[in-house]
Amino acid sequence: MKNFLSTFAICFILCGIFLFFGGFLILSNPWLTAALIALVISLLICAFLSLEGKIEELEGRLRAFEQMREQPSKDDC
């Protein structure tokens, strides 16, 4: 919960700064508002897809490591 609140506070402050320094001009135009929202959503989607790829890569490396450990070595016999 602490991480969420700190992240929320940072986002809230950044949004306030954005609106104070001219963000209201962008948000007054519906096309620019849609473009800004699309940018944010696409950045989030790209970040999650990147994380998904890294997780799949780590799972593959873990499977290979587990298979390597399951195979008896010739020195054990």
Protein backbone atom coordinates (compact mmCIF):
# COMPACT_ATOMS: atom_id res chain seq x y z
CA MET A 1 0.00 0.00 0.00
CA LYS A 2 2.90 2.32 0.76
CA ASN A 3 4.28 1.88 -2.76
CA PHE A 4 0.90 2.66 -4.28
CA LEU A 5 0.44 5.83 -2.24
CA SER A 6 3.91 7.13 -3.08
CA THR A 7 3.37 6.38 -6.78
CA PHE A 8 -0.03 8.06 -6.68
CA ALA A 9 1.43 11.15 -4.98
CA ILE A 10 4.21 11.45 -7.56
CA CYS A 11 1.74 11.09 -10.45
CA PHE A 12 -0.61 13.61 -8.87
CA ILE A 13 2.16 16.17 -8.44
CA LEU A 14 3.42 15.63 -12.00
CA CYS A 15 -0.10 16.06 -13.39
CA GLY A 16 -0.53 19.27 -11.42
CA ILE A 17 2.76 20.63 -12.76
CA PHE A 18 1.76 19.61 -16.30
CA LEU A 19 -1.58 21.41 -16.05
CA PHE A 20 -0.02 24.48 -14.45
CA PHE A 21 2.57 24.93 -17.21
CA GLY A 22 0.21 24.81 -20.18
CA GLY A 23 -1.33 21.36 -20.08
CA PHE A 24 -4.77 22.95 -20.03
CA LEU A 25 -4.12 24.18 -23.60
CA ILE A 26 -3.56 20.61 -24.78
CA LEU A 27 -6.53 19.27 -22.85
CA SER A 28 -8.86 21.92 -24.29
CA ASN A 29 -8.47 20.39 -27.77
CA PRO A 30 -10.22 17.00 -28.03
CA TRP A 31 -7.79 15.64 -30.64
CA LEU A 32 -4.73 16.50 -28.58
CA THR A 33 -6.39 15.05 -25.50
CA ALA A 34 -7.07 11.80 -27.37
CA ALA A 35 -3.46 11.73 -28.61
CA LEU A 36 -2.13 12.26 -25.09
CA ILE A 37 -4.31 9.50 -23.65
CA ALA A 38 -3.31 7.15 -26.50
CA LEU A 39 0.35 7.91 -25.82
CA VAL A 40 0.03 7.05 -22.14
CA ILE A 41 -1.91 3.86 -22.82
CA SER A 42 0.54 2.73 -25.51
CA LEU A 43 3.50 3.34 -23.19
CA LEU A 44 1.86 1.20 -20.50
CA ILE A 45 1.08 -1.59 -22.97
CA CYS A 46 4.65 -1.57 -24.33
CA ALA A 47 6.05 -1.71 -20.80
CA PHE A 48 3.86 -4.69 -19.87
CA LEU A 49 4.70 -6.53 -23.10
CA SER A 50 8.38 -5.97 -22.47
CA LEU A 51 8.04 -7.38 -18.97
CA GLU A 52 6.10 -10.35 -20.31
CA GLY A 53 8.90 -11.16 -22.73
CA LYS A 54 11.50 -10.95 -19.97
CA ILE A 55 9.43 -13.24 -17.75
CA GLU A 56 9.08 -15.82 -20.52
CA GLU A 57 12.83 -15.68 -21.13
CA LEU A 58 13.53 -16.23 -17.43
CA GLU A 59 11.09 -19.15 -17.32
CA GLY A 60 12.92 -20.77 -20.24
CA ARG A 61 16.27 -20.31 -18.53
CA LEU A 62 14.85 -21.77 -15.31
CA ARG A 63 13.46 -24.82 -17.15
CA ALA A 64 16.83 -25.40 -18.80
CA PHE A 65 18.56 -25.10 -15.43
CA GLU A 66 16.13 -27.56 -13.80
CA GLN A 67 16.62 -30.06 -16.64
CA MET A 68 20.37 -29.75 -16.31
CA ARG A 69 20.16 -30.46 -12.56
CA GLU A 70 17.84 -33.47 -13.06
CA GLN A 71 20.24 -35.25 -15.40
CA PRO A 72 22.62 -37.44 -13.41
CA SER A 73 26.24 -36.62 -13.99
CA LYS A 74 28.75 -39.31 -14.96
CA ASP A 75 30.79 -38.64 -11.82
CA ASP A 76 27.89 -39.71 -9.55
CA CYS A 77 27.88 -43.32 -10.82
